[in-house]
Amino acid sequence: MALRVLHTADWHLGKVLKGVDRTPEIADALKDHLRIVREEKIDLVVVAGDLFDRPRVSAEAEAAAFEFFLGLRELGVPALVISGNHDSRPRLEALAPLLELAGAHVRGEVRVRGEGGAVRRDWGEAALLPFLSERRAVKAAQLLEADEGSWQHGYSETVGRLIANLTAGFGPGRINLLVAHLTLAGANLKLGGGEFSFYVGNSYAVEPDRLPTTATYVALGHIHRQQKVSDAPAAWYSGSLVQLDFGEGEDAERGVLVVELEPDRPPVVHPIDPGWGKPLRTFRLEPDQLDRRLDEVENWPGYAKLIIAGPANSALRERLYQENPHLLEVRFEAEAPDPLAEAAAEVESLSWPEAYERYLREVRGLEEAGELLAAFRELYEEGHASA
């Protein structure tokens, strides 16, 4: 049996960049997903995490997701969905019964095999691995230990053992699909630039040999640049739908993947990059270039960031903002950096753990603050889950 899969991830509905809500652009991309599903005769849609940009998003952001899954129901196409590190796991779990009515099988929380972590379909089997924080990794390790002893394994080993548990039923003659939201270690990995740095560091990287060779295809989310990261088994990141941050390369591949799967055969992957969303570009100018090159900024069809060499000029900054509505940031290179001011300016686009991580790194100067951040996130997650 052949299976045509649309692999998508990292929607980040609810993303706010310098005060601009990117949800309408992402919603348009999801509407175009439905066209691709119809024209490419897709049998299954896989969403590998980070549907939303933060635990609580606007009604418009949630509506865009619901409209997409309702569109899939009208087309008669099912979906497999997992949570990412930006999603609210309890929220997705609560929405799972509702989305099930639209044909979407949702996993917000990590579950082991036999408790919902692996699902059987007529074409084969899918193992679903939502994002696993260090705190959740400890609990996952306890689920895998008969004596529920203390966590004695590193993050990569624990995730590897969980993957082995979830994929234990993979066998020949069927399609075996692993869907995961994680960072795969390796020199070939290319970051998109807009990922939360704490969760793509070495402490959260999973070694490639943890992926089972019995998998027909591994659908990954978390990294915003579309790329293949493993040959055996074939593992791909689909990338984000739109350019989410000025730190993401303007030429970075992103979009979705159409994947043709057959039992016991290598997958055939077709990358699709329709160029969704407004492009982001950083312009660097000398003060004496403003008069003759400012039209480059004014004529840019997307959102712009302008870096001007020299001392700060508040009057010039204000004039540039007024004359160029699509100019989201003006920075002078000679300005003394003010981490607190920068963090405050971007607070709308950061989750609380992200803001705290940036504070520790840029204000406190702590490059290695994993324990502090893990403790903060644990308190945040407990508070959010009980809210």
Protein backbone atom coordinates (compact mmCIF):
# COMPACT_ATOMS: atom_id res chain seq x y z
CA MET A 1 0.00 0.00 0.00
CA ALA A 2 1.30 3.44 -0.93
CA LEU A 3 0.71 6.47 1.28
CA ARG A 4 1.05 10.13 0.30
CA VAL A 5 1.85 12.29 3.32
CA LEU A 6 1.94 16.06 3.77
CA HIS A 7 4.58 16.77 6.42
CA THR A 8 4.21 20.19 8.05
CA ALA A 9 5.34 21.74 11.35
CA ASP A 10 6.27 24.94 13.18
CA TRP A 11 3.23 26.99 12.25
CA HIS A 12 3.63 29.33 15.25
CA LEU A 13 0.11 30.72 14.99
CA GLY A 14 -0.09 33.75 17.30
CA LYS A 15 3.46 34.87 16.50
CA VAL A 16 3.96 38.60 17.18
CA LEU A 17 7.06 40.25 15.72
CA LYS A 18 7.83 43.76 16.98
CA GLY A 19 4.15 44.34 17.58
CA VAL A 20 2.99 42.85 14.26
CA ASP A 21 0.72 39.80 14.45
CA ARG A 22 1.87 37.26 11.85
CA THR A 23 -1.25 35.10 12.29
CA PRO A 24 -3.00 36.30 9.09
CA GLU A 25 0.05 35.33 6.99
CA ILE A 26 0.26 31.91 8.63
CA ALA A 27 -3.51 31.41 8.27
CA ASP A 28 -3.18 32.08 4.53
CA ALA A 29 -0.43 29.46 4.35
CA LEU A 30 -2.72 26.92 6.04
CA LYS A 31 -5.45 27.66 3.52
CA ASP A 32 -2.92 26.92 0.80
CA HIS A 33 -2.12 23.65 2.61
CA LEU A 34 -5.63 22.54 1.75
CA ARG A 35 -5.01 23.26 -1.93
CA ILE A 36 -1.84 21.14 -1.79
CA VAL A 37 -3.69 18.33 -0.03
CA ARG A 38 -6.33 18.35 -2.76
CA GLU A 39 -4.03 18.71 -5.77
CA GLU A 40 -1.38 16.27 -4.52
CA LYS A 41 -4.00 13.68 -3.52
CA ILE A 42 -2.64 13.52 0.03
CA ASP A 43 -3.75 10.57 2.19
CA LEU A 44 -2.43 11.79 5.55
CA VAL A 45 -1.31 15.11 7.06
CA VAL A 46 1.39 15.05 9.76
CA VAL A 47 1.84 18.13 11.98
CA ALA A 48 5.11 17.75 13.92
CA GLY A 49 4.56 20.33 16.66
CA ASP A 50 4.51 24.06 17.41
CA LEU A 51 1.08 24.73 16.01
CA PHE A 52 1.01 27.81 18.24
CA ASP A 53 3.71 30.27 19.26
CA ARG A 54 2.84 30.35 22.96
CA PRO A 55 0.61 28.53 25.45
CA ARG A 56 -2.16 31.13 25.17
CA VAL A 57 -2.89 32.73 21.84
CA SER A 58 -5.62 34.87 20.31
CA ALA A 59 -8.99 33.53 19.24
CA GLU A 60 -7.95 34.29 15.65
CA ALA A 61 -4.91 32.02 15.98
CA GLU A 62 -6.96 29.12 17.33
CA ALA A 63 -9.64 29.71 14.69
CA ALA A 64 -7.05 29.39 11.91
CA ALA A 65 -6.03 25.97 13.24
CA PHE A 66 -9.63 24.79 13.59
CA GLU A 67 -10.48 25.97 10.07
CA PHE A 68 -7.56 23.98 8.71
CA PHE A 69 -8.62 20.73 10.38
CA LEU A 70 -12.24 21.28 9.39
CA GLY A 71 -11.00 21.76 5.82
CA LEU A 72 -9.19 18.44 6.05
CA ARG A 73 -12.40 16.78 7.25
CA GLU A 74 -14.23 18.11 4.20
CA LEU A 75 -11.51 16.59 2.03
CA GLY A 76 -11.70 13.32 3.95
CA VAL A 77 -8.02 13.43 4.95
CA PRO A 78 -6.95 12.44 8.50
CA ALA A 79 -4.12 14.06 10.46
CA LEU A 80 -1.59 13.09 13.12
CA VAL A 81 -0.65 15.98 15.41
CA ILE A 82 1.87 16.34 18.25
CA SER A 83 2.75 19.26 20.52
CA GLY A 84 5.98 21.23 20.34
CA ASN A 85 7.85 23.20 22.99
CA HIS A 86 5.80 26.33 22.22
CA ASP A 87 2.43 24.59 22.50
CA SER A 88 0.34 24.13 25.63
CA ARG A 89 0.27 20.38 26.14
CA PRO A 90 -2.79 20.46 28.44
CA ARG A 91 -4.62 22.69 25.97
CA LEU A 92 -3.97 20.34 23.04
CA GLU A 93 -4.99 17.35 25.15
CA ALA A 94 -8.23 19.13 26.03
CA LEU A 95 -8.88 19.90 22.36
CA ALA A 96 -8.03 16.36 21.22
CA PRO A 97 -11.59 14.95 21.44
CA LEU A 98 -12.92 17.92 19.47
CA LEU A 99 -10.23 17.66 16.80
CA GLU A 100 -10.81 13.90 16.64
CA LEU A 101 -14.23 14.72 15.19
CA ALA A 102 -12.39 16.40 12.32
CA GLY A 103 -10.21 13.33 11.80
CA ALA A 104 -7.15 14.67 13.63
CA HIS A 105 -5.41 12.36 16.12
CA VAL A 106 -3.71 14.68 18.65
CA ARG A 107 -1.06 13.98 21.26
CA GLY A 108 -0.17 16.83 23.62
CA GLU A 109 1.44 14.75 26.36
CA VAL A 110 4.16 12.13 25.92
CA ARG A 111 2.80 8.61 26.25
CA VAL A 112 4.51 5.25 26.07
CA ARG A 113 3.54 2.40 23.80
CA GLY A 114 0.30 0.75 24.83
CA GLU A 115 -0.98 3.97 26.38
CA GLY A 116 -1.54 5.97 23.20
CA GLY A 117 2.03 6.72 22.17
CA ALA A 118 1.73 4.50 19.10
CA VAL A 119 -1.31 4.24 16.84
CA ARG A 120 -2.25 1.53 14.36
CA ARG A 121 -3.72 2.32 10.95
CA ASP A 122 -4.59 0.19 7.94
CA TRP A 123 -1.34 1.28 6.26
CA GLY A 124 0.89 0.50 9.25
CA GLU A 125 1.86 2.20 12.49
CA ALA A 126 2.79 5.69 13.71
CA ALA A 127 4.81 6.51 16.83
CA LEU A 128 4.06 9.97 18.24
CA LEU A 129 6.64 11.82 20.34
CA PRO A 130 5.71 15.37 21.43
CA PHE A 131 8.44 17.69 22.70
CA LEU A 132 10.04 16.43 25.88
CA SER A 133 11.49 18.90 28.38
CA GLU A 134 14.11 17.76 30.89
CA ARG A 135 11.46 17.68 33.58
CA ARG A 136 9.20 15.56 31.41
CA ALA A 137 12.16 13.36 30.47
CA VAL A 138 12.52 12.41 34.13
CA LYS A 139 8.87 11.36 34.22
CA ALA A 140 9.23 9.50 30.92
CA ALA A 141 12.25 7.64 32.30
CA GLN A 142 10.19 6.64 35.32
CA LEU A 143 7.47 5.30 33.03
CA LEU A 144 10.08 3.13 31.35
CA GLU A 145 11.57 1.89 34.64
CA ALA A 146 9.73 -0.93 36.35
CA ASP A 147 10.94 0.25 39.76
CA GLU A 148 10.27 3.92 38.95
CA GLY A 149 13.74 4.69 40.21
CA SER A 150 15.55 7.99 39.94
CA TRP A 151 16.51 9.35 36.53
CA GLN A 152 19.98 8.05 35.80
CA HIS A 153 20.18 8.69 32.06
CA GLY A 154 21.10 11.69 29.97
CA TYR A 155 18.50 13.46 27.87
CA SER A 156 19.54 11.87 24.56
CA GLU A 157 19.58 8.38 26.07
CA THR A 158 16.19 8.82 27.72
CA VAL A 159 14.60 10.09 24.50
CA GLY A 160 16.27 7.23 22.66
CA ARG A 161 14.83 4.68 25.05
CA LEU A 162 11.41 6.26 24.67
CA ILE A 163 11.68 6.14 20.87
CA ALA A 164 12.67 2.47 21.12
CA ASN A 165 9.59 1.83 23.25
CA LEU A 166 7.26 3.68 20.87
CA THR A 167 8.63 2.00 17.75
CA ALA A 168 8.92 -1.54 19.13
CA GLY A 169 6.04 -2.62 16.90
CA PHE A 170 7.63 -1.43 13.67
CA GLY A 171 8.09 -4.34 11.29
CA PRO A 172 8.48 -5.29 7.63
CA GLY A 173 5.71 -5.19 5.09
CA ARG A 174 4.10 -2.05 6.54
CA ILE A 175 4.66 1.69 6.63
CA ASN A 176 6.33 2.73 9.88
CA LEU A 177 6.12 6.43 10.68
CA LEU A 178 7.83 8.28 13.54
CA VAL A 179 6.63 11.83 14.27
CA ALA A 180 8.75 13.81 16.75
CA HIS A 181 9.50 17.36 17.88
CA LEU A 182 13.16 17.46 18.86
CA THR A 183 16.66 18.60 17.96
CA LEU A 184 18.70 15.97 16.15
CA ALA A 185 22.42 16.29 16.84
CA GLY A 186 24.92 16.36 14.02
CA ALA A 187 27.19 18.59 11.95
CA ASN A 188 24.71 18.60 9.07
CA LEU A 189 21.95 20.29 11.07
CA LYS A 190 21.29 23.88 9.96
CA LEU A 191 19.34 26.07 12.36
CA GLY A 192 16.75 28.43 11.03
CA GLY A 193 17.81 31.23 13.37
CA GLY A 194 14.48 31.85 15.07
CA GLU A 195 14.40 28.79 17.35
CA PHE A 196 14.50 29.18 21.13
CA SER A 197 18.24 28.70 21.77
CA PHE A 198 17.86 26.80 25.04
CA TYR A 199 15.98 23.98 23.32
CA VAL A 200 18.36 23.54 20.39
CA GLY A 201 21.54 23.37 22.48
CA ASN A 202 23.63 20.30 23.14
CA SER A 203 21.73 19.40 26.31
CA TYR A 204 18.57 18.95 24.23
CA ALA A 205 20.16 17.28 21.21
CA VAL A 206 19.32 13.66 20.43
CA GLU A 207 21.89 11.51 18.69
CA PRO A 208 20.91 10.30 15.19
CA ASP A 209 21.57 6.67 16.09
CA ARG A 210 18.58 6.87 18.43
CA LEU A 211 16.32 6.85 15.36
CA PRO A 212 15.18 3.32 14.46
CA THR A 213 16.29 1.94 11.11
CA THR A 214 12.91 0.17 10.97
CA ALA A 215 11.20 3.54 10.39
CA THR A 216 10.03 4.15 6.85
CA TYR A 217 10.11 7.90 7.46
CA VAL A 218 10.80 10.25 10.40
CA ALA A 219 8.77 13.48 10.33
CA LEU A 220 10.48 16.07 12.51
CA GLY A 221 9.51 19.48 13.81
CA HIS A 222 11.38 22.12 15.88
CA ILE A 223 14.04 23.40 13.45
CA HIS A 224 12.77 26.15 11.16
CA ARG A 225 14.98 25.39 8.16
CA GLN A 226 13.68 22.68 5.81
CA GLN A 227 16.30 19.93 5.53
CA LYS A 228 17.11 16.24 5.46
CA VAL A 229 19.08 15.20 8.55
CA SER A 230 19.34 11.42 8.22
CA ASP A 231 19.51 8.86 5.43
CA ALA A 232 18.86 5.65 7.34
CA PRO A 233 16.18 6.12 8.39
CA ALA A 234 15.12 9.02 6.18
CA ALA A 235 14.44 11.94 8.53
CA TRP A 236 13.41 15.46 7.51
CA TYR A 237 12.50 18.76 9.10
CA SER A 238 9.73 20.40 7.08
CA GLY A 239 10.68 23.89 8.31
CA SER A 240 8.50 26.81 9.34
CA LEU A 241 5.77 28.13 7.05
CA VAL A 242 6.88 31.77 7.03
CA GLN A 243 10.06 33.61 7.96
CA LEU A 244 9.35 34.12 11.66
CA ASP A 245 12.25 36.28 12.81
CA PHE A 246 14.91 38.59 11.41
CA GLY A 247 17.47 36.08 12.66
CA GLU A 248 16.23 33.50 10.16
CA GLY A 249 18.11 33.52 6.88
CA GLU A 250 16.33 35.18 3.99
CA ASP A 251 17.30 32.32 1.69
CA ALA A 252 16.55 29.50 4.16
CA GLU A 253 14.35 26.73 2.80
CA ARG A 254 10.96 26.42 4.46
CA GLY A 255 7.47 25.24 3.59
CA VAL A 256 6.09 21.70 3.54
CA LEU A 257 7.07 18.26 2.30
CA VAL A 258 5.04 15.86 0.17
CA VAL A 259 6.28 12.35 1.01
CA GLU A 260 5.51 9.18 -0.92
CA LEU A 261 5.73 6.11 1.34
CA GLU A 262 5.63 2.41 0.57
CA PRO A 263 6.49 -0.55 2.80
CA ASP A 264 10.14 -1.62 2.74
CA ARG A 265 11.11 1.08 0.24
CA PRO A 266 12.95 4.41 0.68
CA PRO A 267 10.56 7.38 0.80
CA VAL A 268 10.36 9.85 -2.06
CA VAL A 269 10.34 13.40 -0.70
CA HIS A 270 9.19 16.46 -2.63
CA PRO A 271 10.01 19.79 -0.90
CA ILE A 272 7.50 22.56 -1.53
CA ASP A 273 8.33 26.21 -0.78
CA PRO A 274 5.52 28.49 -2.02
CA GLY A 275 7.11 31.54 -0.40
CA TRP A 276 4.36 32.08 2.16
CA GLY A 277 4.26 35.21 4.27
CA LYS A 278 5.99 38.56 3.99
CA PRO A 279 9.77 38.32 3.72
CA LEU A 280 12.00 39.81 6.41
CA ARG A 281 15.24 41.60 5.62
CA THR A 282 17.92 43.41 7.60
CA PHE A 283 19.45 46.47 5.90
CA ARG A 284 22.80 47.87 7.03
CA LEU A 285 23.56 51.45 5.99
CA GLU A 286 26.13 54.10 6.69
CA PRO A 287 24.69 57.51 7.65
CA ASP A 288 25.83 59.05 4.35
CA GLN A 289 23.98 56.31 2.43
CA LEU A 290 20.54 57.10 3.82
CA ASP A 291 19.53 59.63 1.15
CA ARG A 292 20.44 57.47 -1.83
CA ARG A 293 19.67 54.00 -0.47
CA LEU A 294 16.63 54.56 1.69
CA ASP A 295 14.42 53.75 -1.28
CA GLU A 296 15.67 50.14 -0.99
CA VAL A 297 14.07 49.98 2.43
CA GLU A 298 10.94 51.82 1.31
CA ASN A 299 10.43 49.52 -1.69
CA TRP A 300 11.04 46.28 0.21
CA PRO A 301 7.80 44.25 -0.09
CA GLY A 302 8.03 42.71 3.37
CA TYR A 303 9.09 43.81 6.85
CA ALA A 304 12.44 45.51 7.33
CA LYS A 305 15.01 46.01 10.06
CA LEU A 306 17.47 48.86 9.62
CA ILE A 307 20.89 49.02 11.24
CA ILE A 308 22.67 52.37 10.86
CA ALA A 309 26.34 52.81 11.67
CA GLY A 310 27.05 55.63 14.10
CA PRO A 311 25.63 57.16 17.27
CA ALA A 312 21.97 57.05 18.19
CA ASN A 313 19.67 59.67 16.67
CA SER A 314 16.20 59.55 18.19
CA ALA A 315 14.77 62.16 15.81
CA LEU A 316 15.97 60.20 12.79
CA ARG A 317 14.66 56.97 14.25
CA GLU A 318 11.20 58.46 14.78
CA ARG A 319 11.11 59.94 11.27
CA LEU A 320 12.07 56.61 9.71
CA TYR A 321 9.31 54.81 11.61
CA GLN A 322 6.71 57.37 10.55
CA GLU A 323 7.71 57.30 6.88
CA ASN A 324 8.03 53.50 6.64
CA PRO A 325 5.16 51.56 8.29
CA HIS A 326 6.76 48.23 7.35
CA LEU A 327 10.00 49.18 9.14
CA LEU A 328 9.82 47.24 12.40
CA GLU A 329 13.17 48.05 13.97
CA VAL A 330 15.79 50.79 13.68
CA ARG A 331 19.06 50.27 15.51
CA PHE A 332 22.24 52.33 15.61
CA GLU A 333 25.41 50.25 15.86
CA ALA A 334 27.16 52.74 18.14
CA GLU A 335 24.38 52.53 20.70
CA ALA A 336 25.36 50.90 23.95
CA PRO A 337 23.24 47.75 24.14
CA ASP A 338 20.54 47.83 26.77
CA PRO A 339 19.47 44.22 27.33
CA LEU A 340 16.56 45.21 29.56
CA ALA A 341 15.18 47.65 26.99
CA GLU A 342 15.61 45.14 24.18
CA ALA A 343 13.87 42.43 26.20
CA ALA A 344 11.02 44.81 27.00
CA ALA A 345 10.61 45.73 23.33
CA GLU A 346 10.31 42.08 22.37
CA VAL A 347 8.29 40.85 25.33
CA GLU A 348 5.16 40.38 23.22
CA SER A 349 6.95 37.89 20.99
CA LEU A 350 8.50 35.83 23.81
CA SER A 351 7.08 33.24 26.13
CA TRP A 352 7.95 33.63 29.81
CA PRO A 353 10.62 30.89 29.72
CA GLU A 354 12.12 32.49 26.60
CA ALA A 355 12.18 35.92 28.24
CA TYR A 356 13.81 34.51 31.36
CA GLU A 357 16.42 32.64 29.30
CA ARG A 358 17.28 35.87 27.47
CA TYR A 359 17.48 37.75 30.77
CA LEU A 360 19.89 35.20 32.22
CA ARG A 361 22.08 35.25 29.13
CA GLU A 362 22.08 38.93 28.20
CA VAL A 363 21.62 40.68 31.55
CA ARG A 364 23.16 38.24 34.01
CA GLY A 365 25.81 37.03 31.54
CA LEU A 366 25.08 33.37 32.25
CA GLU A 367 25.78 31.31 29.13
CA GLU A 368 25.14 28.01 30.93
CA ALA A 369 22.01 28.46 33.03
CA GLY A 370 20.25 25.18 32.36
CA GLU A 371 19.41 24.42 36.00
CA LEU A 372 17.96 27.86 36.66
CA LEU A 373 15.92 27.81 33.47
CA ALA A 374 14.71 24.26 34.08
CA ALA A 375 13.54 25.24 37.58
CA PHE A 376 11.80 28.34 36.21
CA ARG A 377 10.09 26.35 33.48
CA GLU A 378 8.96 23.70 35.96
CA LEU A 379 7.30 26.37 38.11
CA TYR A 380 5.81 28.01 35.02
CA GLU A 381 4.42 24.71 33.68
CA GLU A 382 2.92 23.80 37.05
CA GLY A 383 1.29 27.21 37.35
CA HIS A 384 -0.01 27.09 33.79
CA ALA A 385 -1.36 23.56 34.15
CA SER A 386 -3.28 24.53 37.27
CA ALA A 387 -4.59 27.81 35.82
